[in-house]
Amino acid sequence: MLVITAAVALLAACSVERLNLAAPNALSREKAAQLVAGKTTKAETEGLFGKPLDVLVIDGLERHFYKDFNLRALHIEFDKNGVVSSYKYSD
């Protein structure tokens, strides 16, 4: 029984670490508002939010998708020069 309790405690600790509740690149409306269409680059976006969860390329345009542990989502579309052309944030 003690081994099972220790294993559960260890797994719980790992899951909290994996979620990283204080992540510096967590999504927020305020951070998304820092994106400026026609100005913000991919590098600046990754500096704000980290690596995207997923990247999709359609017709030569890249779309980056982010989601955090609170299921907030951010979809960013870049033009052919790697500059934000549009974005959508949802809580």
Protein backbone atom coordinates (compact mmCIF):
# COMPACT_ATOMS: atom_id res chain seq x y z
CA MET A 1 0.00 0.00 0.00
CA LEU A 2 2.86 2.38 0.82
CA VAL A 3 4.41 1.76 -2.60
CA ILE A 4 1.13 2.59 -4.35
CA THR A 5 0.72 5.79 -2.32
CA ALA A 6 4.29 6.84 -3.13
CA ALA A 7 3.77 6.08 -6.83
CA VAL A 8 0.56 8.15 -6.93
CA ALA A 9 2.29 11.06 -5.17
CA LEU A 10 5.19 10.89 -7.62
CA LEU A 11 2.87 10.87 -10.62
CA ALA A 12 0.90 13.80 -9.22
CA ALA A 13 4.11 15.79 -8.78
CA CYS A 14 5.14 15.03 -12.35
CA SER A 15 1.79 16.14 -13.76
CA VAL A 16 1.94 19.48 -11.92
CA GLU A 17 5.46 20.02 -13.25
CA ARG A 18 4.36 19.14 -16.76
CA LEU A 19 1.48 21.65 -16.63
CA ASN A 20 3.86 24.36 -15.42
CA LEU A 21 1.06 26.48 -13.97
CA ALA A 22 3.34 29.53 -13.81
CA ALA A 23 4.54 29.18 -17.41
CA PRO A 24 5.99 32.48 -18.63
CA ASN A 25 4.53 31.87 -22.09
CA ALA A 26 0.96 31.06 -20.93
CA LEU A 27 -1.77 32.61 -23.05
CA SER A 28 -3.63 35.75 -22.03
CA ARG A 29 -5.68 38.42 -23.78
CA GLU A 30 -3.06 41.01 -22.77
CA LYS A 31 -0.20 39.05 -24.34
CA ALA A 32 -2.19 38.36 -27.50
CA ALA A 33 -2.85 42.11 -27.79
CA GLN A 34 0.93 42.60 -28.21
CA LEU A 35 0.67 40.98 -31.66
CA VAL A 36 0.51 43.61 -34.38
CA ALA A 37 -0.61 42.56 -37.86
CA GLY A 38 1.95 43.66 -40.44
CA LYS A 39 4.69 44.11 -37.84
CA THR A 40 5.18 41.21 -35.37
CA THR A 41 7.52 38.50 -36.67
CA LYS A 42 7.54 34.74 -36.06
CA ALA A 43 10.61 35.11 -33.86
CA GLU A 44 8.89 37.76 -31.72
CA THR A 45 5.78 35.56 -31.49
CA GLU A 46 7.83 32.60 -30.29
CA GLY A 47 9.52 34.90 -27.78
CA LEU A 48 6.09 35.73 -26.34
CA PHE A 49 4.43 32.31 -26.50
CA GLY A 50 7.16 29.73 -27.09
CA LYS A 51 7.04 27.07 -29.78
CA PRO A 52 3.56 26.50 -31.22
CA LEU A 53 1.59 23.37 -30.41
CA ASP A 54 1.00 22.86 -34.13
CA VAL A 55 1.98 24.49 -37.43
CA LEU A 56 -0.13 24.24 -40.56
CA VAL A 57 0.92 25.47 -44.02
CA ILE A 58 -1.86 26.22 -46.51
CA ASP A 59 -1.23 27.96 -49.83
CA GLY A 60 2.25 28.93 -48.64
CA LEU A 61 0.96 30.67 -45.50
CA GLU A 62 1.92 29.39 -42.06
CA ARG A 63 -0.58 29.14 -39.25
CA HIS A 64 0.62 28.59 -35.69
CA PHE A 65 -1.69 27.16 -33.04
CA TYR A 66 -1.27 27.55 -29.29
CA LYS A 67 -3.40 26.17 -26.45
CA ASP A 68 -2.76 26.26 -22.71
CA PHE A 69 -3.91 24.19 -19.74
CA ASN A 70 -7.00 26.42 -19.32
CA LEU A 71 -7.96 25.67 -22.94
CA ARG A 72 -7.33 29.23 -24.03
CA ALA A 73 -6.36 29.20 -27.70
CA LEU A 74 -4.42 31.42 -30.06
CA HIS A 75 -4.31 31.00 -33.84
CA ILE A 76 -1.79 33.15 -35.72
CA GLU A 77 -1.45 33.44 -39.49
CA PHE A 78 1.81 34.67 -40.99
CA ASP A 79 2.36 36.15 -44.43
CA LYS A 80 5.01 34.85 -46.82
CA ASN A 81 7.63 37.06 -45.09
CA GLY A 82 6.99 35.52 -41.65
CA VAL A 83 5.08 38.52 -40.31
CA VAL A 84 1.73 38.24 -38.52
CA SER A 85 -1.10 38.88 -40.97
CA SER A 86 -3.92 38.04 -38.53
CA TYR A 87 -4.62 36.30 -35.24
CA LYS A 88 -7.52 35.09 -33.13
CA TYR A 89 -7.45 34.63 -29.37
CA SER A 90 -10.20 32.85 -27.45
CA ASP A 91 -10.59 32.24 -23.72
